[in-house]
Amino acid sequence: MPTFLASHRPTVPELHVFQQDGSWHWGITVPRVAGSGFKLIAFSESRFSLEEAARADGSAALALLADKAHATDSPPLSLVTDFQRE
């Protein structure tokens, strides 16, 4: 099993796009402050028929999280929402 140093862990939110039950979804994670693993801070509630659509929607949510974090100079807040443009 490989060993990773803490300095190699991402410290910013990371987008994950995956297929589940025949549909595409996205989730955004950050490393846990204490212990190991990741914390889910945002996810799609909608189902996407195309991977590209899920990735585009997740990327927009990731950008929104980054904008909020920069505006307040604080770590990203949880965004558990259905982030689709209408």
PDB file of N, CA and C in Angstrom:
ATOM      1  N   MET A   1       0.849  -1.171   0.000  1.00  0.00           N
ATOM      2  CA  MET A   1       0.000   0.000   0.000  1.00  0.00           C
ATOM      3  C   MET A   1       0.898   1.239   0.000  1.00  0.00           C
ATOM      4  N   PRO A   2       0.664   2.174  -0.927  1.00  0.00           N
ATOM      5  CA  PRO A   2       1.500   3.373  -0.971  1.00  0.00           C
ATOM      6  C   PRO A   2       1.236   4.283   0.222  1.00  0.00           C
ATOM      7  N   THR A   3       2.262   5.000   0.607  1.00  0.00           N
ATOM      8  CA  THR A   3       2.148   5.977   1.684  1.00  0.00           C
ATOM      9  C   THR A   3       2.263   7.360   1.069  1.00  0.00           C
ATOM     10  N   PHE A   4       1.358   8.247   1.437  1.00  0.00           N
ATOM     11  CA  PHE A   4       1.377   9.604   0.921  1.00  0.00           C
ATOM     12  C   PHE A   4       1.650  10.570   2.054  1.00  0.00           C
ATOM     13  N   LEU A   5       2.471  11.559   1.773  1.00  0.00           N
ATOM     14  CA  LEU A   5       2.735  12.606   2.748  1.00  0.00           C
ATOM     15  C   LEU A   5       1.588  13.603   2.735  1.00  0.00           C
ATOM     16  N   ALA A   6       1.344  14.218   3.862  1.00  0.00           N
ATOM     17  CA  ALA A   6       0.257  15.193   3.968  1.00  0.00           C
ATOM     18  C   ALA A   6       0.432  16.328   2.972  1.00  0.00           C
ATOM     19  N   SER A   7       1.674  16.673   2.633  1.00  0.00           N
ATOM     20  CA  SER A   7       1.911  17.783   1.714  1.00  0.00           C
ATOM     21  C   SER A   7       1.440  17.463   0.299  1.00  0.00           C
ATOM     22  N   HIS A   8       1.198  16.189  -0.004  1.00  0.00           N
ATOM     23  CA  HIS A   8       0.742  15.812  -1.333  1.00  0.00           C
ATOM     24  C   HIS A   8      -0.784  15.774  -1.439  1.00  0.00           C
ATOM     25  N   ARG A   9      -1.469  15.999  -0.337  1.00  0.00           N
ATOM     26  CA  ARG A   9      -2.927  15.988  -0.363  1.00  0.00           C
ATOM     27  C   ARG A   9      -3.438  17.331  -0.866  1.00  0.00           C
ATOM     28  N   PRO A  10      -4.462  17.314  -1.681  1.00  0.00           N
ATOM     29  CA  PRO A  10      -5.022  18.591  -2.125  1.00  0.00           C
ATOM     30  C   PRO A  10      -5.638  19.336  -0.950  1.00  0.00           C
ATOM     31  N   THR A  11      -5.464  20.645  -0.944  1.00  0.00           N
ATOM     32  CA  THR A  11      -6.010  21.451   0.150  1.00  0.00           C
ATOM     33  C   THR A  11      -7.189  22.286  -0.315  1.00  0.00           C
ATOM     34  N   VAL A  12      -7.538  22.157  -1.559  1.00  0.00           N
ATOM     35  CA  VAL A  12      -8.661  22.906  -2.113  1.00  0.00           C
ATOM     36  C   VAL A  12      -9.769  21.928  -2.498  1.00  0.00           C
ATOM     37  N   PRO A  13     -10.979  22.423  -2.646  1.00  0.00           N
ATOM     38  CA  PRO A  13     -12.065  21.535  -3.062  1.00  0.00           C
ATOM     39  C   PRO A  13     -11.751  20.856  -4.395  1.00  0.00           C
ATOM     40  N   GLU A  14     -12.178  19.617  -4.514  1.00  0.00           N
ATOM     41  CA  GLU A  14     -11.915  18.843  -5.722  1.00  0.00           C
ATOM     42  C   GLU A  14     -13.228  18.266  -6.253  1.00  0.00           C
ATOM     43  N   LEU A  15     -13.431  18.394  -7.563  1.00  0.00           N
ATOM     44  CA  LEU A  15     -14.637  17.905  -8.220  1.00  0.00           C
ATOM     45  C   LEU A  15     -14.466  16.443  -8.612  1.00  0.00           C
ATOM     46  N   HIS A  16     -15.487  15.645  -8.343  1.00  0.00           N
ATOM     47  CA  HIS A  16     -15.519  14.239  -8.748  1.00  0.00           C
ATOM     48  C   HIS A  16     -16.794  14.028  -9.563  1.00  0.00           C
ATOM     49  N   VAL A  17     -16.662  13.426 -10.734  1.00  0.00           N
ATOM     50  CA  VAL A  17     -17.804  13.103 -11.580  1.00  0.00           C
ATOM     51  C   VAL A  17     -17.851  11.587 -11.696  1.00  0.00           C
ATOM     52  N   PHE A  18     -19.033  11.016 -11.489  1.00  0.00           N
ATOM     53  CA  PHE A  18     -19.132   9.558 -11.468  1.00  0.00           C
ATOM     54  C   PHE A  18     -20.496   9.110 -11.983  1.00  0.00           C
ATOM     55  N   GLN A  19     -20.535   7.851 -12.411  1.00  0.00           N
ATOM     56  CA  GLN A  19     -21.781   7.266 -12.887  1.00  0.00           C
ATOM     57  C   GLN A  19     -22.330   6.328 -11.825  1.00  0.00           C
ATOM     58  N   GLN A  20     -23.618   6.446 -11.571  1.00  0.00           N
ATOM     59  CA  GLN A  20     -24.273   5.610 -10.568  1.00  0.00           C
ATOM     60  C   GLN A  20     -25.714   5.373 -11.004  1.00  0.00           C
ATOM     61  N   ASP A  21     -26.137   4.135 -10.978  1.00  0.00           N
ATOM     62  CA  ASP A  21     -27.511   3.766 -11.343  1.00  0.00           C
ATOM     63  C   ASP A  21     -27.910   4.297 -12.716  1.00  0.00           C
ATOM     64  N   GLY A  22     -26.978   4.273 -13.658  1.00  0.00           N
ATOM     65  CA  GLY A  22     -27.271   4.664 -15.028  1.00  0.00           C
ATOM     66  C   GLY A  22     -27.279   6.151 -15.306  1.00  0.00           C
ATOM     67  N   SER A  23     -26.949   6.981 -14.324  1.00  0.00           N
ATOM     68  CA  SER A  23     -26.912   8.436 -14.502  1.00  0.00           C
ATOM     69  C   SER A  23     -25.574   8.975 -14.021  1.00  0.00           C
ATOM     70  N   TRP A  24     -25.260  10.191 -14.467  1.00  0.00           N
ATOM     71  CA  TRP A  24     -24.033  10.858 -14.051  1.00  0.00           C
ATOM     72  C   TRP A  24     -24.340  11.833 -12.927  1.00  0.00           C
ATOM     73  N   HIS A  25     -23.421  11.937 -11.990  1.00  0.00           N
ATOM     74  CA  HIS A  25     -23.547  12.811 -10.820  1.00  0.00           C
ATOM     75  C   HIS A  25     -22.197  13.476 -10.567  1.00  0.00           C
ATOM     76  N   TRP A  26     -22.197  14.490  -9.721  1.00  0.00           N
ATOM     77  CA  TRP A  26     -20.934  15.100  -9.295  1.00  0.00           C
ATOM     78  C   TRP A  26     -20.960  15.320  -7.787  1.00  0.00           C
ATOM     79  N   GLY A  27     -19.759  15.400  -7.221  1.00  0.00           N
ATOM     80  CA  GLY A  27     -19.575  15.714  -5.814  1.00  0.00           C
ATOM     81  C   GLY A  27     -18.296  16.516  -5.651  1.00  0.00           C
ATOM     82  N   ILE A  28     -18.241  17.334  -4.626  1.00  0.00           N
ATOM     83  CA  ILE A  28     -17.045  18.130  -4.335  1.00  0.00           C
ATOM     84  C   ILE A  28     -16.581  17.765  -2.932  1.00  0.00           C
ATOM     85  N   THR A  29     -15.296  17.456  -2.812  1.00  0.00           N
ATOM     86  CA  THR A  29     -14.732  17.054  -1.526  1.00  0.00           C
ATOM     87  C   THR A  29     -13.571  17.951  -1.129  1.00  0.00           C
ATOM     88  N   VAL A  30     -13.282  17.946   0.173  1.00  0.00           N
ATOM     89  CA  VAL A  30     -12.078  18.570   0.727  1.00  0.00           C
ATOM     90  C   VAL A  30     -11.465  17.564   1.694  1.00  0.00           C
ATOM     91  N   PRO A  31     -10.140  17.634   1.904  1.00  0.00           N
ATOM     92  CA  PRO A  31      -9.527  16.730   2.887  1.00  0.00           C
ATOM     93  C   PRO A  31     -10.054  17.036   4.288  1.00  0.00           C
ATOM     94  N   ARG A  32     -10.219  16.013   5.083  1.00  0.00           N
ATOM     95  CA  ARG A  32     -10.628  16.206   6.482  1.00  0.00           C
ATOM     96  C   ARG A  32      -9.484  16.860   7.251  1.00  0.00           C
ATOM     97  N   VAL A  33      -9.829  17.784   8.140  1.00  0.00           N
ATOM     98  CA  VAL A  33      -8.821  18.480   8.939  1.00  0.00           C
ATOM     99  C   VAL A  33      -8.165  17.510   9.912  1.00  0.00           C
ATOM    100  N   ALA A  34      -8.961  16.713  10.571  1.00  0.00           N
ATOM    101  CA  ALA A  34      -8.432  15.736  11.525  1.00  0.00           C
ATOM    102  C   ALA A  34      -8.658  14.334  10.968  1.00  0.00           C
ATOM    103  N   GLY A  35      -7.697  13.486  11.168  1.00  0.00           N
ATOM    104  CA  GLY A  35      -7.847  12.120  10.696  1.00  0.00           C
ATOM    105  C   GLY A  35      -7.505  11.998   9.227  1.00  0.00           C
ATOM    106  N   SER A  36      -8.162  11.063   8.578  1.00  0.00           N
ATOM    107  CA  SER A  36      -7.872  10.843   7.166  1.00  0.00           C
ATOM    108  C   SER A  36      -9.167  10.828   6.376  1.00  0.00           C
ATOM    109  N   GLY A  37      -9.023  10.852   5.091  1.00  0.00           N
ATOM    110  CA  GLY A  37     -10.186  10.806   4.224  1.00  0.00           C
ATOM    111  C   GLY A  37     -10.634  12.181   3.780  1.00  0.00           C
ATOM    112  N   PHE A  38     -11.814  12.209   3.213  1.00  0.00           N
ATOM    113  CA  PHE A  38     -12.337  13.431   2.634  1.00  0.00           C
ATOM    114  C   PHE A  38     -13.742  13.698   3.151  1.00  0.00           C
ATOM    115  N   LYS A  39     -14.124  14.964   3.104  1.00  0.00           N
ATOM    116  CA  LYS A  39     -15.464  15.380   3.513  1.00  0.00           C
ATOM    117  C   LYS A  39     -16.203  15.860   2.264  1.00  0.00           C
ATOM    118  N   LEU A  40     -17.395  15.354   2.055  1.00  0.00           N
ATOM    119  CA  LEU A  40     -18.231  15.796   0.950  1.00  0.00           C
ATOM    120  C   LEU A  40     -18.871  17.123   1.337  1.00  0.00           C
ATOM    121  N   ILE A  41     -18.623  18.173   0.537  1.00  0.00           N
ATOM    122  CA  ILE A  41     -19.168  19.491   0.873  1.00  0.00           C
ATOM    123  C   ILE A  41     -20.241  19.945  -0.104  1.00  0.00           C
ATOM    124  N   ALA A  42     -20.370  19.272  -1.234  1.00  0.00           N
ATOM    125  CA  ALA A  42     -21.404  19.629  -2.210  1.00  0.00           C
ATOM    126  C   ALA A  42     -21.657  18.433  -3.114  1.00  0.00           C
ATOM    127  N   PHE A  43     -22.894  18.328  -3.587  1.00  0.00           N
ATOM    128  CA  PHE A  43     -23.207  17.241  -4.512  1.00  0.00           C
ATOM    129  C   PHE A  43     -24.428  17.606  -5.342  1.00  0.00           C
ATOM    130  N   SER A  44     -24.576  16.917  -6.455  1.00  0.00           N
ATOM    131  CA  SER A  44     -25.745  17.135  -7.307  1.00  0.00           C
ATOM    132  C   SER A  44     -26.876  16.246  -6.830  1.00  0.00           C
ATOM    133  N   GLU A  45     -28.058  16.792  -6.861  1.00  0.00           N
ATOM    134  CA  GLU A  45     -29.239  15.989  -6.562  1.00  0.00           C
ATOM    135  C   GLU A  45     -29.914  15.538  -7.849  1.00  0.00           C
ATOM    136  N   SER A  46     -29.568  16.188  -8.956  1.00  0.00           N
ATOM    137  CA  SER A  46     -30.119  15.819 -10.254  1.00  0.00           C
ATOM    138  C   SER A  46     -29.314  14.693 -10.877  1.00  0.00           C
ATOM    139  N   ARG A  47     -29.953  14.025 -11.822  1.00  0.00           N
ATOM    140  CA  ARG A  47     -29.281  12.990 -12.603  1.00  0.00           C
ATOM    141  C   ARG A  47     -28.982  13.590 -13.970  1.00  0.00           C
ATOM    142  N   PHE A  48     -27.814  13.296 -14.492  1.00  0.00           N
ATOM    143  CA  PHE A  48     -27.416  13.795 -15.802  1.00  0.00           C
ATOM    144  C   PHE A  48     -27.259  12.613 -16.748  1.00  0.00           C
ATOM    145  N   SER A  49     -27.723  12.776 -17.977  1.00  0.00           N
ATOM    146  CA  SER A  49     -27.604  11.687 -18.942  1.00  0.00           C
ATOM    147  C   SER A  49     -26.222  11.656 -19.583  1.00  0.00           C
ATOM    148  N   LEU A  50     -25.515  12.780 -19.552  1.00  0.00           N
ATOM    149  CA  LEU A  50     -24.180  12.865 -20.148  1.00  0.00           C
ATOM    150  C   LEU A  50     -23.148  13.250 -19.098  1.00  0.00           C
ATOM    151  N   GLU A  51     -21.977  12.635 -19.190  1.00  0.00           N
ATOM    152  CA  GLU A  51     -20.883  12.962 -18.272  1.00  0.00           C
ATOM    153  C   GLU A  51     -20.503  14.436 -18.393  1.00  0.00           C
ATOM    154  N   GLU A  52     -20.466  14.941 -19.623  1.00  0.00           N
ATOM    155  CA  GLU A  52     -20.072  16.331 -19.849  1.00  0.00           C
ATOM    156  C   GLU A  52     -21.025  17.306 -19.156  1.00  0.00           C
ATOM    157  N   ALA A  53     -22.309  16.987 -19.142  1.00  0.00           N
ATOM    158  CA  ALA A  53     -23.288  17.856 -18.478  1.00  0.00           C
ATOM    159  C   ALA A  53     -23.065  17.870 -16.969  1.00  0.00           C
ATOM    160  N   ALA A  54     -22.790  16.705 -16.403  1.00  0.00           N
ATOM    161  CA  ALA A  54     -22.510  16.634 -14.964  1.00  0.00           C
ATOM    162  C   ALA A  54     -21.229  17.394 -14.635  1.00  0.00           C
ATOM    163  N   ARG A  55     -20.207  17.242 -15.481  1.00  0.00           N
ATOM    164  CA  ARG A  55     -18.934  17.928 -15.242  1.00  0.00           C
ATOM    165  C   ARG A  55     -19.102  19.445 -15.343  1.00  0.00           C
ATOM    166  N   ALA A  56     -19.872  19.910 -16.314  1.00  0.00           N
ATOM    167  CA  ALA A  56     -20.092  21.353 -16.468  1.00  0.00           C
ATOM    168  C   ALA A  56     -20.847  21.914 -15.266  1.00  0.00           C
ATOM    169  N   ASP A  57     -21.870  21.215 -14.816  1.00  0.00           N
ATOM    170  CA  ASP A  57     -22.646  21.667 -13.666  1.00  0.00           C
ATOM    171  C   ASP A  57     -21.790  21.658 -12.400  1.00  0.00           C
ATOM    172  N   GLY A  58     -21.008  20.597 -12.213  1.00  0.00           N
ATOM    173  CA  GLY A  58     -20.120  20.511 -11.055  1.00  0.00           C
ATOM    174  C   GLY A  58     -19.041  21.579 -11.086  1.00  0.00           C
ATOM    175  N   SER A  59     -18.528  21.867 -12.272  1.00  0.00           N
ATOM    176  CA  SER A  59     -17.510  22.917 -12.403  1.00  0.00           C
ATOM    177  C   SER A  59     -18.075  24.280 -12.033  1.00  0.00           C
ATOM    178  N   ALA A  60     -19.329  24.531 -12.409  1.00  0.00           N
ATOM    179  CA  ALA A  60     -19.972  25.797 -12.038  1.00  0.00           C
ATOM    180  C   ALA A  60     -20.138  25.889 -10.523  1.00  0.00           C
ATOM    181  N   ALA A  61     -20.510  24.791  -9.891  1.00  0.00           N
ATOM    182  CA  ALA A  61     -20.644  24.778  -8.428  1.00  0.00           C
ATOM    183  C   ALA A  61     -19.288  24.978  -7.761  1.00  0.00           C
ATOM    184  N   LEU A  62     -18.252  24.361  -8.311  1.00  0.00           N
ATOM    185  CA  LEU A  62     -16.900  24.512  -7.775  1.00  0.00           C
ATOM    186  C   LEU A  62     -16.447  25.967  -7.882  1.00  0.00           C
ATOM    187  N   ALA A  63     -16.738  26.604  -9.003  1.00  0.00           N
ATOM    188  CA  ALA A  63     -16.386  28.019  -9.180  1.00  0.00           C
ATOM    189  C   ALA A  63     -17.144  28.893  -8.184  1.00  0.00           C
ATOM    190  N   LEU A  64     -18.408  28.573  -7.937  1.00  0.00           N
ATOM    191  CA  LEU A  64     -19.195  29.326  -6.955  1.00  0.00           C
ATOM    192  C   LEU A  64     -18.594  29.186  -5.559  1.00  0.00           C
ATOM    193  N   LEU A  65     -18.180  27.990  -5.202  1.00  0.00           N
ATOM    194  CA  LEU A  65     -17.530  27.783  -3.902  1.00  0.00           C
ATOM    195  C   LEU A  65     -16.244  28.593  -3.798  1.00  0.00           C
ATOM    196  N   ALA A  66     -15.462  28.597  -4.866  1.00  0.00           N
ATOM    197  CA  ALA A  66     -14.203  29.344  -4.865  1.00  0.00           C
ATOM    198  C   ALA A  66     -14.465  30.839  -4.728  1.00  0.00           C
ATOM    199  N   ASP A  67     -15.477  31.336  -5.441  1.00  0.00           N
ATOM    200  CA  ASP A  67     -15.823  32.760  -5.345  1.00  0.00           C
ATOM    201  C   ASP A  67     -16.246  33.133  -3.932  1.00  0.00           C
ATOM    202  N   LYS A  68     -17.068  32.290  -3.305  1.00  0.00           N
ATOM    203  CA  LYS A  68     -17.512  32.563  -1.935  1.00  0.00           C
ATOM    204  C   LYS A  68     -16.340  32.535  -0.965  1.00  0.00           C
ATOM    205  N   ALA A  69     -15.421  31.596  -1.151  1.00  0.00           N
ATOM    206  CA  ALA A  69     -14.266  31.491  -0.259  1.00  0.00           C
ATOM    207  C   ALA A  69     -13.362  32.710  -0.405  1.00  0.00           C
ATOM    208  N   HIS A  70     -13.150  33.177  -1.645  1.00  0.00           N
ATOM    209  CA  HIS A  70     -12.297  34.344  -1.854  1.00  0.00           C
ATOM    210  C   HIS A  70     -12.956  35.620  -1.349  1.00  0.00           C
ATOM    211  N   ALA A  71     -14.261  35.705  -1.475  1.00  0.00           N
ATOM    212  CA  ALA A  71     -14.969  36.910  -1.030  1.00  0.00           C
ATOM    213  C   ALA A  71     -14.933  37.063   0.483  1.00  0.00           C
ATOM    214  N   THR A  72     -14.888  35.958   1.188  1.00  0.00           N
ATOM    215  CA  THR A  72     -14.909  36.025   2.648  1.00  0.00           C
ATOM    216  C   THR A  72     -13.571  35.659   3.276  1.00  0.00           C
ATOM    217  N   ASP A  73     -12.583  35.286   2.458  1.00  0.00           N
ATOM    218  CA  ASP A  73     -11.281  34.833   2.956  1.00  0.00           C
ATOM    219  C   ASP A  73     -11.437  33.732   4.001  1.00  0.00           C
ATOM    220  N   SER A  74     -12.345  32.829   3.747  1.00  0.00           N
ATOM    221  CA  SER A  74     -12.561  31.715   4.662  1.00  0.00           C
ATOM    222  C   SER A  74     -12.568  30.416   3.872  1.00  0.00           C
ATOM    223  N   PRO A  75     -12.473  29.296   4.562  1.00  0.00           N
ATOM    224  CA  PRO A  75     -12.525  28.022   3.860  1.00  0.00           C
ATOM    225  C   PRO A  75     -13.874  27.842   3.172  1.00  0.00           C
ATOM    226  N   PRO A  76     -13.930  26.986   2.163  1.00  0.00           N
ATOM    227  CA  PRO A  76     -15.185  26.790   1.448  1.00  0.00           C
ATOM    228  C   PRO A  76     -16.297  26.304   2.370  1.00  0.00           C
ATOM    229  N   LEU A  77     -17.469  26.850   2.168  1.00  0.00           N
ATOM    230  CA  LEU A  77     -18.638  26.438   2.934  1.00  0.00           C
ATOM    231  C   LEU A  77     -19.296  25.255   2.245  1.00  0.00           C
ATOM    232  N   SER A  78     -20.057  24.519   2.991  1.00  0.00           N
ATOM    233  CA  SER A  78     -20.792  23.413   2.389  1.00  0.00           C
ATOM    234  C   SER A  78     -21.840  23.958   1.435  1.00  0.00           C
ATOM    235  N   LEU A  79     -21.959  23.320   0.314  1.00  0.00           N
ATOM    236  CA  LEU A  79     -22.949  23.688  -0.685  1.00  0.00           C
ATOM    237  C   LEU A  79     -23.623  22.400  -1.129  1.00  0.00           C
ATOM    238  N   VAL A  80     -24.635  22.019  -0.417  1.00  0.00           N
ATOM    239  CA  VAL A  80     -25.370  20.811  -0.767  1.00  0.00           C
ATOM    240  C   VAL A  80     -26.620  21.281  -1.472  1.00  0.00           C
ATOM    241  N   THR A  81     -26.573  21.221  -2.777  1.00  0.00           N
ATOM    242  CA  THR A  81     -27.630  21.829  -3.563  1.00  0.00           C
ATOM    243  C   THR A  81     -27.711  21.187  -4.929  1.00  0.00           C
ATOM    244  N   ASP A  82     -28.743  21.531  -5.618  1.00  0.00           N
ATOM    245  CA  ASP A  82     -28.896  21.154  -7.011  1.00  0.00           C
ATOM    246  C   ASP A  82     -28.508  22.392  -7.800  1.00  0.00           C
ATOM    247  N   PHE A  83     -27.294  22.441  -8.286  1.00  0.00           N
ATOM    248  CA  PHE A  83     -26.764  23.643  -8.912  1.00  0.00           C
ATOM    249  C   PHE A  83     -26.906  23.522 -10.420  1.00  0.00           C
ATOM    250  N   GLN A  84     -28.060  23.840 -10.927  1.00  0.00           N
ATOM    251  CA  GLN A  84     -28.268  23.827 -12.367  1.00  0.00           C
ATOM    252  C   GLN A  84     -28.701  25.208 -12.811  1.00  0.00           C
ATOM    253  N   ARG A  85     -28.160  25.608 -13.927  1.00  0.00           N
ATOM    254  CA  ARG A  85     -28.570  26.897 -14.484  1.00  0.00           C
ATOM    255  C   ARG A  85     -29.890  26.710 -15.205  1.00  0.00           C
ATOM    256  N   GLU A  86     -30.738  27.667 -15.050  1.00  0.00           N
ATOM    257  CA  GLU A  86     -32.055  27.565 -15.686  1.00  0.00           C
ATOM    258  C   GLU A  86     -32.106  28.407 -16.933  1.00  0.00           C
TER     259      GLU A  86
END
